[in-house]
Amino acid sequence: MLRTLRRTLLRSRLRLTVRPLTAGAPDLPPTASDALGTEATATEAITYNRVRVATATALALYRSGHRLPLANDQLDDAVHALHFPYSVPSPATRAALRAALAVLEADPTINITR
């Protein structure tokens, strides 16, 4: 509860830009149970959900012009800004986020136009 209250009181340190939507909020990527089914192990589900959060967050950071290196607090703020339910960024989630952002930065075919 203290973590939720603290998150509510603190202002985000990062500014993320998002594309305008015509109606409603976009759906989040499917959860592990939706994507992998009920036969997935706990380890598979945790890994899938961790990478799901990291990939979506890395894409939002990249589109907003943020590049590596980023501090842990900045990565945490970005995850919270996307309102993933029950998401508490762990060291493994931050590592996956940095890896996804590094891939986006390294790919010469990706170009963000505004």
C-alpha atoms as a PDB file:
ATOM      1  CA  MET A   1       0.000   0.000   0.000  1.00  0.00           C
ATOM      2  CA  LEU A   2       2.851   2.364   0.801  1.00  0.00           C
ATOM      3  CA  ARG A   3       4.351   1.708  -2.635  1.00  0.00           C
ATOM      4  CA  THR A   4       1.018   2.524  -4.319  1.00  0.00           C
ATOM      5  CA  LEU A   5       0.602   5.695  -2.281  1.00  0.00           C
ATOM      6  CA  ARG A   6       4.179   6.767  -3.003  1.00  0.00           C
ATOM      7  CA  ARG A   7       3.682   6.153  -6.715  1.00  0.00           C
ATOM      8  CA  THR A   8       0.513   8.261  -6.645  1.00  0.00           C
ATOM      9  CA  LEU A   9       2.230  11.163  -4.900  1.00  0.00           C
ATOM     10  CA  LEU A  10       5.424  11.182  -6.976  1.00  0.00           C
ATOM     11  CA  ARG A  11       5.446  12.882 -10.333  1.00  0.00           C
ATOM     12  CA  SER A  12       6.826  10.970 -13.262  1.00  0.00           C
ATOM     13  CA  ARG A  13      10.397  11.832 -14.188  1.00  0.00           C
ATOM     14  CA  LEU A  14       9.949  10.812 -17.808  1.00  0.00           C
ATOM     15  CA  ARG A  15       7.694  12.181 -20.463  1.00  0.00           C
ATOM     16  CA  LEU A  16       6.254   9.530 -22.759  1.00  0.00           C
ATOM     17  CA  THR A  17       4.488  10.494 -25.927  1.00  0.00           C
ATOM     18  CA  VAL A  18       1.680   8.372 -27.248  1.00  0.00           C
ATOM     19  CA  ARG A  19      -0.271   8.450 -30.443  1.00  0.00           C
ATOM     20  CA  PRO A  20      -3.746   9.937 -30.256  1.00  0.00           C
ATOM     21  CA  LEU A  21      -6.560   7.428 -30.052  1.00  0.00           C
ATOM     22  CA  THR A  22      -9.900   7.781 -31.710  1.00  0.00           C
ATOM     23  CA  ALA A  23     -11.891   6.014 -29.001  1.00  0.00           C
ATOM     24  CA  GLY A  24     -10.977   4.447 -25.690  1.00  0.00           C
ATOM     25  CA  ALA A  25      -7.655   3.165 -24.401  1.00  0.00           C
ATOM     26  CA  PRO A  26      -5.607   0.623 -26.321  1.00  0.00           C
ATOM     27  CA  ASP A  27      -5.595  -2.966 -25.167  1.00  0.00           C
ATOM     28  CA  LEU A  28      -2.480  -4.117 -23.379  1.00  0.00           C
ATOM     29  CA  PRO A  29      -0.605  -7.032 -24.942  1.00  0.00           C
ATOM     30  CA  PRO A  30      -2.200 -10.376 -24.030  1.00  0.00           C
ATOM     31  CA  THR A  31      -1.299 -11.853 -20.663  1.00  0.00           C
ATOM     32  CA  ALA A  32       0.567 -15.140 -20.344  1.00  0.00           C
ATOM     33  CA  SER A  33      -2.609 -17.131 -19.775  1.00  0.00           C
ATOM     34  CA  ASP A  34      -4.151 -15.666 -22.945  1.00  0.00           C
ATOM     35  CA  ALA A  35      -1.045 -16.097 -25.102  1.00  0.00           C
ATOM     36  CA  LEU A  36       0.358 -19.355 -23.736  1.00  0.00           C
ATOM     37  CA  GLY A  37      -2.766 -21.068 -22.471  1.00  0.00           C
ATOM     38  CA  THR A  38      -3.297 -22.809 -19.180  1.00  0.00           C
ATOM     39  CA  GLU A  39      -0.563 -25.388 -19.757  1.00  0.00           C
ATOM     40  CA  ALA A  40       2.261 -22.850 -19.334  1.00  0.00           C
ATOM     41  CA  THR A  41       4.485 -23.327 -16.320  1.00  0.00           C
ATOM     42  CA  ALA A  42       4.831 -20.630 -13.697  1.00  0.00           C
ATOM     43  CA  THR A  43       8.347 -19.843 -14.929  1.00  0.00           C
ATOM     44  CA  GLU A  44       7.134 -19.474 -18.515  1.00  0.00           C
ATOM     45  CA  ALA A  45       4.269 -17.226 -17.453  1.00  0.00           C
ATOM     46  CA  ILE A  46       6.502 -15.003 -15.322  1.00  0.00           C
ATOM     47  CA  THR A  47       9.072 -14.702 -18.103  1.00  0.00           C
ATOM     48  CA  TYR A  48       6.406 -13.957 -20.708  1.00  0.00           C
ATOM     49  CA  ASN A  49       4.749 -11.252 -18.592  1.00  0.00           C
ATOM     50  CA  ARG A  50       8.119  -9.705 -17.725  1.00  0.00           C
ATOM     51  CA  VAL A  51       9.099  -9.460 -21.395  1.00  0.00           C
ATOM     52  CA  ARG A  52       5.591  -8.244 -22.306  1.00  0.00           C
ATOM     53  CA  VAL A  53       5.960  -5.275 -19.953  1.00  0.00           C
ATOM     54  CA  ALA A  54       9.570  -4.644 -21.012  1.00  0.00           C
ATOM     55  CA  THR A  55       8.863  -4.666 -24.747  1.00  0.00           C
ATOM     56  CA  ALA A  56       5.874  -2.337 -24.569  1.00  0.00           C
ATOM     57  CA  THR A  57       7.762   0.023 -22.256  1.00  0.00           C
ATOM     58  CA  ALA A  58      10.907  -0.011 -24.425  1.00  0.00           C
ATOM     59  CA  LEU A  59       8.840   0.859 -27.480  1.00  0.00           C
ATOM     60  CA  ALA A  60       7.165   3.762 -25.652  1.00  0.00           C
ATOM     61  CA  LEU A  61      10.544   5.030 -24.444  1.00  0.00           C
ATOM     62  CA  TYR A  62      12.071   4.760 -27.915  1.00  0.00           C
ATOM     63  CA  ARG A  63       9.150   6.550 -29.553  1.00  0.00           C
ATOM     64  CA  SER A  64       9.465   9.289 -26.922  1.00  0.00           C
ATOM     65  CA  GLY A  65      13.133   9.865 -27.775  1.00  0.00           C
ATOM     66  CA  HIS A  66      14.699   8.281 -24.682  1.00  0.00           C
ATOM     67  CA  ARG A  67      17.930   6.348 -25.198  1.00  0.00           C
ATOM     68  CA  LEU A  68      20.219   4.221 -23.059  1.00  0.00           C
ATOM     69  CA  PRO A  69      21.622   4.546 -20.480  1.00  0.00           C
ATOM     70  CA  LEU A  70      18.595   5.097 -18.253  1.00  0.00           C
ATOM     71  CA  ALA A  71      18.547   4.884 -14.454  1.00  0.00           C
ATOM     72  CA  ASN A  72      16.446   2.290 -12.644  1.00  0.00           C
ATOM     73  CA  ASP A  73      14.102   5.030 -11.383  1.00  0.00           C
ATOM     74  CA  GLN A  74      13.500   6.218 -14.934  1.00  0.00           C
ATOM     75  CA  LEU A  75      12.674   2.697 -16.107  1.00  0.00           C
ATOM     76  CA  ASP A  76      10.338   2.180 -13.141  1.00  0.00           C
ATOM     77  CA  ASP A  77       8.567   5.461 -13.906  1.00  0.00           C
ATOM     78  CA  ALA A  78       8.110   4.439 -17.545  1.00  0.00           C
ATOM     79  CA  VAL A  79       6.566   1.092 -16.560  1.00  0.00           C
ATOM     80  CA  HIS A  80       4.207   2.815 -14.124  1.00  0.00           C
ATOM     81  CA  ALA A  81       3.277   5.460 -16.706  1.00  0.00           C
ATOM     82  CA  LEU A  82       1.898   2.734 -18.995  1.00  0.00           C
ATOM     83  CA  HIS A  83      -0.411   1.515 -16.206  1.00  0.00           C
ATOM     84  CA  PHE A  84       0.390  -2.181 -16.397  1.00  0.00           C
ATOM     85  CA  PRO A  85      -1.734  -3.738 -13.668  1.00  0.00           C
ATOM     86  CA  TYR A  86       0.201  -5.386 -10.829  1.00  0.00           C
ATOM     87  CA  SER A  87       3.517  -4.436 -12.379  1.00  0.00           C
ATOM     88  CA  VAL A  88       6.392  -3.924  -9.984  1.00  0.00           C
ATOM     89  CA  PRO A  89       9.576  -3.675 -12.065  1.00  0.00           C
ATOM     90  CA  SER A  90      12.148  -6.200 -10.916  1.00  0.00           C
ATOM     91  CA  PRO A  91      15.850  -6.274 -11.824  1.00  0.00           C
ATOM     92  CA  ALA A  92      15.009  -8.920 -14.443  1.00  0.00           C
ATOM     93  CA  THR A  93      12.264  -6.717 -15.936  1.00  0.00           C
ATOM     94  CA  ARG A  94      14.662  -3.769 -16.095  1.00  0.00           C
ATOM     95  CA  ALA A  95      17.274  -5.959 -17.799  1.00  0.00           C
ATOM     96  CA  ALA A  96      14.708  -7.115 -20.369  1.00  0.00           C
ATOM     97  CA  LEU A  97      13.632  -3.491 -20.892  1.00  0.00           C
ATOM     98  CA  ARG A  98      17.230  -2.378 -21.483  1.00  0.00           C
ATOM     99  CA  ALA A  99      17.764  -5.274 -23.913  1.00  0.00           C
ATOM    100  CA  ALA A 100      14.624  -4.419 -25.892  1.00  0.00           C
ATOM    101  CA  LEU A 101      15.581  -0.743 -25.996  1.00  0.00           C
ATOM    102  CA  ALA A 102      19.108  -1.644 -27.139  1.00  0.00           C
ATOM    103  CA  VAL A 103      17.668  -3.708 -30.000  1.00  0.00           C
ATOM    104  CA  LEU A 104      15.470  -0.798 -31.092  1.00  0.00           C
ATOM    105  CA  GLU A 105      18.446   1.573 -30.969  1.00  0.00           C
ATOM    106  CA  ALA A 106      20.702  -0.786 -32.906  1.00  0.00           C
ATOM    107  CA  ASP A 107      18.310  -1.577 -35.763  1.00  0.00           C
ATOM    108  CA  PRO A 108      19.089   0.747 -38.688  1.00  0.00           C
ATOM    109  CA  THR A 109      15.715   0.034 -40.324  1.00  0.00           C
ATOM    110  CA  ILE A 110      13.719   1.590 -37.489  1.00  0.00           C
ATOM    111  CA  ASN A 111      12.996   5.269 -37.984  1.00  0.00           C
ATOM    112  CA  ILE A 112      10.631   7.275 -35.831  1.00  0.00           C
ATOM    113  CA  THR A 113       9.100  10.216 -37.655  1.00  0.00           C
ATOM    114  CA  ARG A 114       7.065  12.920 -35.995  1.00  0.00           C
END
